[in-house]
Amino acid sequence: MSKKFLLTAFSKDRPGIVADLSQVIYENGYNLEDSSMTNLAGEFAILL
């Protein structure tokens, strides 16, 4: 049985932020199936 989770994150936008989040997900044995990223009020926002 596979486990699923939903992650929402907000941060100051910077180069490499998506790579950093993806690395943590990979290192913990999860697969990234879908994502949505945007800029909200000048901040980086991601829904995984």
PDB file of N, CA and C in Angstrom:
ATOM      1  N   MET A   1       0.851  -1.182   0.000  1.00  0.00           N
ATOM      2  CA  MET A   1       0.000   0.000   0.000  1.00  0.00           C
ATOM      3  C   MET A   1       0.893   1.241   0.000  1.00  0.00           C
ATOM      4  N   SER A   2       0.651   2.136  -0.931  1.00  0.00           N
ATOM      5  CA  SER A   2       1.475   3.346  -1.002  1.00  0.00           C
ATOM      6  C   SER A   2       0.933   4.423  -0.067  1.00  0.00           C
ATOM      7  N   LYS A   3       1.853   5.219   0.437  1.00  0.00           N
ATOM      8  CA  LYS A   3       1.482   6.347   1.285  1.00  0.00           C
ATOM      9  C   LYS A   3       1.529   7.614   0.453  1.00  0.00           C
ATOM     10  N   LYS A   4       0.633   8.524   0.739  1.00  0.00           N
ATOM     11  CA  LYS A   4       0.602   9.808   0.041  1.00  0.00           C
ATOM     12  C   LYS A   4       0.601  10.927   1.059  1.00  0.00           C
ATOM     13  N   PHE A   5       1.157  12.047   0.665  1.00  0.00           N
ATOM     14  CA  PHE A   5       1.130  13.216   1.530  1.00  0.00           C
ATOM     15  C   PHE A   5       1.010  14.465   0.674  1.00  0.00           C
ATOM     16  N   LEU A   6       0.605  15.527   1.304  1.00  0.00           N
ATOM     17  CA  LEU A   6       0.461  16.828   0.659  1.00  0.00           C
ATOM     18  C   LEU A   6       1.340  17.805   1.415  1.00  0.00           C
ATOM     19  N   LEU A   7       2.149  18.555   0.684  1.00  0.00           N
ATOM     20  CA  LEU A   7       3.052  19.526   1.292  1.00  0.00           C
ATOM     21  C   LEU A   7       2.787  20.891   0.686  1.00  0.00           C
ATOM     22  N   THR A   8       2.593  21.871   1.522  1.00  0.00           N
ATOM     23  CA  THR A   8       2.473  23.258   1.086  1.00  0.00           C
ATOM     24  C   THR A   8       3.595  24.035   1.742  1.00  0.00           C
ATOM     25  N   ALA A   9       4.306  24.836   0.966  1.00  0.00           N
ATOM     26  CA  ALA A   9       5.422  25.604   1.520  1.00  0.00           C
ATOM     27  C   ALA A   9       5.411  27.016   0.955  1.00  0.00           C
ATOM     28  N   PHE A  10       5.803  27.964   1.785  1.00  0.00           N
ATOM     29  CA  PHE A  10       5.955  29.361   1.392  1.00  0.00           C
ATOM     30  C   PHE A  10       7.344  29.806   1.817  1.00  0.00           C
ATOM     31  N   SER A  11       8.014  30.579   0.968  1.00  0.00           N
ATOM     32  CA  SER A  11       9.368  31.010   1.289  1.00  0.00           C
ATOM     33  C   SER A  11       9.757  32.184   0.399  1.00  0.00           C
ATOM     34  N   LYS A  12      10.808  32.859   0.798  1.00  0.00           N
ATOM     35  CA  LYS A  12      11.411  33.851  -0.084  1.00  0.00           C
ATOM     36  C   LYS A  12      11.901  33.096  -1.318  1.00  0.00           C
ATOM     37  N   ASP A  13      11.595  33.609  -2.494  1.00  0.00           N
ATOM     38  CA  ASP A  13      12.006  32.941  -3.723  1.00  0.00           C
ATOM     39  C   ASP A  13      13.516  33.064  -3.892  1.00  0.00           C
ATOM     40  N   ARG A  14      14.135  31.979  -4.326  1.00  0.00           N
ATOM     41  CA  ARG A  14      15.581  31.976  -4.563  1.00  0.00           C
ATOM     42  C   ARG A  14      15.923  30.838  -5.522  1.00  0.00           C
ATOM     43  N   PRO A  15      17.027  30.955  -6.225  1.00  0.00           N
ATOM     44  CA  PRO A  15      17.446  29.870  -7.113  1.00  0.00           C
ATOM     45  C   PRO A  15      17.697  28.584  -6.323  1.00  0.00           C
ATOM     46  N   GLY A  16      17.216  27.463  -6.834  1.00  0.00           N
ATOM     47  CA  GLY A  16      17.472  26.164  -6.225  1.00  0.00           C
ATOM     48  C   GLY A  16      16.457  25.707  -5.195  1.00  0.00           C
ATOM     49  N   ILE A  17      15.453  26.507  -4.901  1.00  0.00           N
ATOM     50  CA  ILE A  17      14.498  26.126  -3.851  1.00  0.00           C
ATOM     51  C   ILE A  17      13.710  24.866  -4.231  1.00  0.00           C
ATOM     52  N   VAL A  18      13.320  24.735  -5.484  1.00  0.00           N
ATOM     53  CA  VAL A  18      12.581  23.543  -5.913  1.00  0.00           C
ATOM     54  C   VAL A  18      13.502  22.318  -5.870  1.00  0.00           C
ATOM     55  N   ALA A  19      14.736  22.480  -6.277  1.00  0.00           N
ATOM     56  CA  ALA A  19      15.703  21.380  -6.214  1.00  0.00           C
ATOM     57  C   ALA A  19      15.915  20.929  -4.773  1.00  0.00           C
ATOM     58  N   ASP A  20      16.006  21.869  -3.851  1.00  0.00           N
ATOM     59  CA  ASP A  20      16.193  21.527  -2.435  1.00  0.00           C
ATOM     60  C   ASP A  20      15.002  20.742  -1.890  1.00  0.00           C
ATOM     61  N   LEU A  21      13.790  21.198  -2.183  1.00  0.00           N
ATOM     62  CA  LEU A  21      12.596  20.482  -1.725  1.00  0.00           C
ATOM     63  C   LEU A  21      12.522  19.087  -2.344  1.00  0.00           C
ATOM     64  N   SER A  22      12.813  18.997  -3.630  1.00  0.00           N
ATOM     65  CA  SER A  22      12.780  17.705  -4.321  1.00  0.00           C
ATOM     66  C   SER A  22      13.797  16.735  -3.732  1.00  0.00           C
ATOM     67  N   GLN A  23      14.972  17.227  -3.379  1.00  0.00           N
ATOM     68  CA  GLN A  23      16.011  16.381  -2.792  1.00  0.00           C
ATOM     69  C   GLN A  23      15.560  15.792  -1.457  1.00  0.00           C
ATOM     70  N   VAL A  24      14.939  16.611  -0.613  1.00  0.00           N
ATOM     71  CA  VAL A  24      14.448  16.132   0.686  1.00  0.00           C
ATOM     72  C   VAL A  24      13.378  15.058   0.487  1.00  0.00           C
ATOM     73  N   ILE A  25      12.487  15.279  -0.454  1.00  0.00           N
ATOM     74  CA  ILE A  25      11.436  14.295  -0.744  1.00  0.00           C
ATOM     75  C   ILE A  25      12.065  12.981  -1.207  1.00  0.00           C
ATOM     76  N   TYR A  26      13.019  13.060  -2.122  1.00  0.00           N
ATOM     77  CA  TYR A  26      13.704  11.869  -2.636  1.00  0.00           C
ATOM     78  C   TYR A  26      14.462  11.135  -1.530  1.00  0.00           C
ATOM     79  N   GLU A  27      15.199  11.870  -0.710  1.00  0.00           N
ATOM     80  CA  GLU A  27      16.002  11.264   0.360  1.00  0.00           C
ATOM     81  C   GLU A  27      15.148  10.532   1.397  1.00  0.00           C
ATOM     82  N   ASN A  28      13.882  10.885   1.485  1.00  0.00           N
ATOM     83  CA  ASN A  28      12.981  10.234   2.430  1.00  0.00           C
ATOM     84  C   ASN A  28      12.137   9.141   1.783  1.00  0.00           C
ATOM     85  N   GLY A  29      12.469   8.787   0.542  1.00  0.00           N
ATOM     86  CA  GLY A  29      11.843   7.645  -0.112  1.00  0.00           C
ATOM     87  C   GLY A  29      10.501   7.908  -0.765  1.00  0.00           C
ATOM     88  N   TYR A  30      10.179   9.163  -1.012  1.00  0.00           N
ATOM     89  CA  TYR A  30       8.900   9.491  -1.644  1.00  0.00           C
ATOM     90  C   TYR A  30       9.099   9.840  -3.114  1.00  0.00           C
ATOM     91  N   ASN A  31       8.031   9.725  -3.889  1.00  0.00           N
ATOM     92  CA  ASN A  31       8.008  10.154  -5.281  1.00  0.00           C
ATOM     93  C   ASN A  31       7.157  11.405  -5.387  1.00  0.00           C
ATOM     94  N   LEU A  32       7.578  12.305  -6.210  1.00  0.00           N
ATOM     95  CA  LEU A  32       6.830  13.530  -6.465  1.00  0.00           C
ATOM     96  C   LEU A  32       5.936  13.277  -7.674  1.00  0.00           C
ATOM     97  N   GLU A  33       4.615  13.264  -7.457  1.00  0.00           N
ATOM     98  CA  GLU A  33       3.674  12.946  -8.529  1.00  0.00           C
ATOM     99  C   GLU A  33       3.126  14.180  -9.228  1.00  0.00           C
ATOM    100  N   ASP A  34       2.966  15.275  -8.501  1.00  0.00           N
ATOM    101  CA  ASP A  34       2.376  16.477  -9.091  1.00  0.00           C
ATOM    102  C   ASP A  34       2.786  17.677  -8.254  1.00  0.00           C
ATOM    103  N   SER A  35       2.790  18.844  -8.876  1.00  0.00           N
ATOM    104  CA  SER A  35       3.128  20.058  -8.130  1.00  0.00           C
ATOM    105  C   SER A  35       2.502  21.271  -8.799  1.00  0.00           C
ATOM    106  N   SER A  36       2.352  22.303  -8.007  1.00  0.00           N
ATOM    107  CA  SER A  36       1.881  23.587  -8.502  1.00  0.00           C
ATOM    108  C   SER A  36       2.687  24.661  -7.787  1.00  0.00           C
ATOM    109  N   MET A  37       3.273  25.569  -8.558  1.00  0.00           N
ATOM    110  CA  MET A  37       4.101  26.632  -7.989  1.00  0.00           C
ATOM    111  C   MET A  37       3.609  27.979  -8.478  1.00  0.00           C
ATOM    112  N   THR A  38       3.728  28.984  -7.609  1.00  0.00           N
ATOM    113  CA  THR A  38       3.304  30.327  -7.978  1.00  0.00           C
ATOM    114  C   THR A  38       4.004  31.349  -7.098  1.00  0.00           C
ATOM    115  N   ASN A  39       3.792  32.598  -7.417  1.00  0.00           N
ATOM    116  CA  ASN A  39       4.293  33.705  -6.616  1.00  0.00           C
ATOM    117  C   ASN A  39       3.080  34.349  -5.962  1.00  0.00           C
ATOM    118  N   LEU A  40       3.045  34.335  -4.633  1.00  0.00           N
ATOM    119  CA  LEU A  40       1.941  34.935  -3.883  1.00  0.00           C
ATOM    120  C   LEU A  40       2.477  36.087  -3.056  1.00  0.00           C
ATOM    121  N   ALA A  41       2.016  37.283  -3.349  1.00  0.00           N
ATOM    122  CA  ALA A  41       2.430  38.476  -2.602  1.00  0.00           C
ATOM    123  C   ALA A  41       3.948  38.594  -2.536  1.00  0.00           C
ATOM    124  N   GLY A  42       4.611  38.256  -3.626  1.00  0.00           N
ATOM    125  CA  GLY A  42       6.060  38.378  -3.681  1.00  0.00           C
ATOM    126  C   GLY A  42       6.826  37.227  -3.065  1.00  0.00           C
ATOM    127  N   GLU A  43       6.134  36.187  -2.637  1.00  0.00           N
ATOM    128  CA  GLU A  43       6.775  35.026  -2.019  1.00  0.00           C
ATOM    129  C   GLU A  43       6.546  33.791  -2.892  1.00  0.00           C
ATOM    130  N   PHE A  44       7.489  32.879  -2.848  1.00  0.00           N
ATOM    131  CA  PHE A  44       7.374  31.609  -3.544  1.00  0.00           C
ATOM    132  C   PHE A  44       6.395  30.715  -2.790  1.00  0.00           C
ATOM    133  N   ALA A  45       5.492  30.075  -3.505  1.00  0.00           N
ATOM    134  CA  ALA A  45       4.534  29.146  -2.894  1.00  0.00           C
ATOM    135  C   ALA A  45       4.497  27.880  -3.743  1.00  0.00           C
ATOM    136  N   ILE A  46       4.471  26.741  -3.064  1.00  0.00           N
ATOM    137  CA  ILE A  46       4.437  25.461  -3.770  1.00  0.00           C
ATOM    138  C   ILE A  46       3.474  24.511  -3.070  1.00  0.00           C
ATOM    139  N   LEU A  47       2.760  23.747  -3.866  1.00  0.00           N
ATOM    140  CA  LEU A  47       1.861  22.703  -3.376  1.00  0.00           C
ATOM    141  C   LEU A  47       2.328  21.407  -4.029  1.00  0.00           C
ATOM    142  N   LEU A  48       2.724  20.450  -3.209  1.00  0.00           N
ATOM    143  CA  LEU A  48       3.213  19.160  -3.709  1.00  0.00           C
ATOM    144  C   LEU A  48       2.295  18.064  -3.236  1.00  0.00           C
TER     145      LEU A  48
END
